Amino acid sequence: DLTTRGSSAFTAVGHHILLVGETHGHLGSSLYLREILGREEGAPPPVDLTIERRNGEAVRDLVRDQLVTACHDLSDGGLLVALAEMCFPRLIGAQIALPDHIPAHAFAFGEDQSRYLLAVSPEQKDLVLFRLNGLDVPVYELGETIADDLVVENITRIPVTHLRDMNATWLPGYMAN
């Protein structure tokens, strides 16, 4: 039903950003390992089909019920790549804090499976958290959407326009490889 389809782009400033699914920081066979460290090694992240279905159905239902304003799966590149992709279309930024129980680079670029980023309005946040918790779906509150910049607290602040322009010049060369 196209009337209830979701957007992968942030739609407004002041929305909460939630991470659905567990993050262990799996970097084996990841883009981070290949593109940043120049290594191709390690097994890809394990897939648990039961968890994949549970998390996917929970997110699908939230989108269908129009409780989220944006949704993006986490796959190639991990959390920060998906977050940047959510910022580009409308040039809406994000401010997030990374937890300290996993190394920052592993949390930011790990490619663990069965994960999604959601943006939810302040009015819907408690209901979304209640529904996810009721289904035993792990959810972590990352931060919120802001104007202009992508901010990872205590690590970096970069204008979304700069990220978008970097992506426009980097992506064609990457796709050719």
Protein backbone atom coordinates (compact mmCIF):
# COMPACT_ATOMS: atom_id res chain seq x y z
CA ASP A 1 0.00 0.00 0.00
CA LEU A 2 1.82 3.10 -1.25
CA THR A 3 -0.16 5.38 1.05
CA THR A 4 1.56 3.87 4.09
CA ARG A 5 5.05 3.46 2.68
CA GLY A 6 7.86 5.02 4.65
CA SER A 7 10.65 7.38 3.75
CA SER A 8 14.33 6.67 4.23
CA ALA A 9 15.07 10.40 4.58
CA PHE A 10 14.71 12.52 7.69
CA THR A 11 11.67 14.76 7.38
CA ALA A 12 11.97 17.23 10.25
CA VAL A 13 14.24 18.63 12.93
CA GLY A 14 13.56 17.49 16.48
CA HIS A 15 12.68 13.88 15.76
CA HIS A 16 14.17 11.12 17.88
CA ILE A 17 16.59 8.66 16.26
CA LEU A 18 16.24 5.07 17.42
CA LEU A 19 18.43 2.09 16.62
CA VAL A 20 16.47 -1.16 16.38
CA GLY A 21 18.41 -4.40 16.88
CA GLU A 22 21.58 -5.42 18.66
CA THR A 23 25.00 -4.01 17.82
CA HIS A 24 28.08 -6.06 18.58
CA GLY A 25 30.39 -4.15 16.23
CA HIS A 26 30.91 -6.90 13.67
CA LEU A 27 33.58 -5.69 11.22
CA GLY A 28 34.51 -8.91 9.39
CA SER A 29 34.09 -8.54 5.59
CA SER A 30 32.83 -4.98 6.16
CA LEU A 31 33.20 -1.89 3.99
CA TYR A 32 35.09 -0.27 6.88
CA LEU A 33 37.67 -3.03 6.83
CA ARG A 34 38.04 -2.86 3.06
CA GLU A 35 37.81 0.87 2.37
CA ILE A 36 39.44 2.32 5.48
CA LEU A 37 41.92 -0.36 6.53
CA GLY A 38 42.54 -1.84 3.08
CA ARG A 39 41.90 -5.39 4.23
CA GLU A 40 39.49 -8.05 3.05
CA GLU A 41 39.21 -10.62 5.78
CA GLY A 42 36.95 -12.17 8.33
CA ALA A 43 33.58 -13.81 8.13
CA PRO A 44 30.51 -11.72 7.37
CA PRO A 45 28.18 -11.09 10.30
CA PRO A 46 26.04 -14.04 11.33
CA VAL A 47 22.35 -13.98 10.42
CA ASP A 48 19.68 -15.28 12.78
CA LEU A 49 16.54 -15.64 10.65
CA THR A 50 14.24 -15.63 13.69
CA ILE A 51 15.62 -12.29 14.88
CA GLU A 52 15.67 -10.94 11.32
CA ARG A 53 11.96 -11.74 10.93
CA ARG A 54 11.01 -10.40 14.38
CA ASN A 55 12.81 -7.09 13.92
CA GLY A 56 11.74 -6.68 10.29
CA GLU A 57 8.08 -7.34 11.03
CA ALA A 58 8.12 -4.98 14.01
CA VAL A 59 9.61 -2.18 11.90
CA ARG A 60 7.28 -2.92 8.99
CA ASP A 61 4.27 -2.63 11.32
CA LEU A 62 5.52 0.68 12.74
CA VAL A 63 5.92 2.06 9.22
CA ARG A 64 2.52 0.70 8.15
CA ASP A 65 0.90 2.32 11.19
CA GLN A 66 2.66 5.60 10.32
CA LEU A 67 4.45 5.81 13.67
CA VAL A 68 7.86 6.52 12.16
CA THR A 69 8.85 9.43 9.94
CA ALA A 70 11.91 7.72 8.43
CA CYS A 71 13.37 4.23 8.36
CA HIS A 72 16.65 2.89 6.97
CA ASP A 73 18.12 -0.60 7.22
CA LEU A 74 21.69 -0.95 8.40
CA SER A 75 23.79 -2.91 5.98
CA ASP A 76 26.91 -2.01 3.96
CA GLY A 77 28.89 0.56 5.93
CA GLY A 78 26.88 0.27 9.14
CA LEU A 79 25.23 2.93 11.26
CA LEU A 80 27.07 6.09 10.19
CA VAL A 81 26.65 5.36 6.49
CA ALA A 82 22.90 4.82 6.92
CA LEU A 83 22.65 7.92 9.10
CA ALA A 84 24.40 10.06 6.48
CA GLU A 85 22.11 8.65 3.78
CA MET A 86 19.10 9.69 5.86
CA CYS A 87 20.49 13.25 6.10
CA PHE A 88 21.26 13.84 2.39
CA PRO A 89 17.85 14.18 0.68
CA ARG A 90 16.48 17.07 2.76
CA LEU A 91 19.78 18.25 4.28
CA ILE A 92 18.52 17.55 7.78
CA GLY A 93 21.27 16.74 10.24
CA ALA A 94 21.52 14.47 13.24
CA GLN A 95 23.17 14.54 16.63
CA ILE A 96 23.94 11.17 18.18
CA ALA A 97 25.94 9.74 21.05
CA LEU A 98 27.71 6.42 20.72
CA PRO A 99 27.64 4.07 23.71
CA ASP A 100 30.87 3.26 25.47
CA HIS A 101 30.45 -0.52 25.77
CA ILE A 102 31.69 -1.09 22.18
CA PRO A 103 34.64 0.68 20.50
CA ALA A 104 33.30 3.72 18.63
CA HIS A 105 34.53 2.59 15.19
CA ALA A 106 32.91 -0.84 15.64
CA PHE A 107 29.57 0.66 16.73
CA ALA A 108 29.65 3.25 13.94
CA PHE A 109 30.68 0.97 11.07
CA GLY A 110 29.88 -2.57 12.22
CA GLU A 111 27.56 -4.46 9.89
CA ASP A 112 25.60 -6.54 12.40
CA GLN A 113 22.38 -7.86 10.89
CA SER A 114 18.71 -7.24 11.69
CA ARG A 115 19.14 -3.54 12.47
CA TYR A 116 17.26 -0.41 11.45
CA LEU A 117 17.44 3.31 12.11
CA LEU A 118 14.11 4.97 12.81
CA ALA A 119 13.15 8.61 13.14
CA VAL A 120 10.06 9.23 15.24
CA SER A 121 8.28 12.40 16.23
CA PRO A 122 8.33 13.38 19.91
CA GLU A 123 4.60 12.60 20.06
CA GLN A 124 5.10 9.00 18.87
CA LYS A 125 8.34 8.11 20.65
CA ASP A 126 6.82 6.56 23.78
CA LEU A 127 4.36 4.47 21.77
CA VAL A 128 7.10 3.22 19.44
CA LEU A 129 9.32 2.28 22.40
CA PHE A 130 6.38 0.57 24.12
CA ARG A 131 5.57 -1.50 21.03
CA LEU A 132 9.18 -2.53 20.41
CA ASN A 133 9.75 -3.41 24.07
CA GLY A 134 6.51 -5.42 24.07
CA LEU A 135 7.90 -7.53 21.22
CA ASP A 136 11.30 -7.94 22.93
CA VAL A 137 12.93 -6.02 20.09
CA PRO A 138 16.10 -4.28 21.30
CA VAL A 139 16.00 -0.53 20.81
CA TYR A 140 18.59 2.11 21.66
CA GLU A 141 17.96 5.85 21.73
CA LEU A 142 20.78 7.41 19.68
CA GLY A 143 19.88 11.09 19.50
CA GLU A 144 17.76 13.43 17.41
CA THR A 145 17.55 15.22 14.12
CA ILE A 146 18.98 18.73 13.99
CA ALA A 147 19.58 21.40 11.39
CA ASP A 148 22.57 21.34 9.04
CA ASP A 149 25.20 19.09 10.67
CA LEU A 150 25.91 15.46 11.41
CA VAL A 151 27.28 15.39 14.96
CA VAL A 152 28.74 12.37 16.70
CA GLU A 153 29.21 13.64 20.24
CA ASN A 154 32.83 13.85 21.38
CA ILE A 155 34.04 12.70 17.94
CA THR A 156 33.03 14.91 15.01
CA ARG A 157 30.76 17.57 13.57
CA ILE A 158 30.43 17.88 9.81
CA PRO A 159 27.99 19.87 7.66
CA VAL A 160 25.50 17.62 5.83
CA THR A 161 26.15 19.56 2.61
CA HIS A 162 29.83 18.63 2.87
CA LEU A 163 28.96 14.96 3.36
CA ARG A 164 26.55 15.07 0.42
CA ASP A 165 29.16 16.68 -1.84
CA MET A 166 31.81 14.15 -0.75
CA ASN A 167 29.37 11.34 -1.50
CA ALA A 168 28.66 12.72 -4.98
CA THR A 169 32.36 12.64 -5.88
CA TRP A 170 33.26 9.41 -4.08
CA LEU A 171 30.30 7.21 -5.03
CA PRO A 172 30.84 7.02 -8.82
CA GLY A 173 34.45 5.84 -8.33
CA TYR A 174 33.39 3.35 -5.68
CA MET A 175 30.62 1.95 -7.91
CA ALA A 176 33.09 1.42 -10.75
CA ASN A 177 35.21 -0.94 -8.59
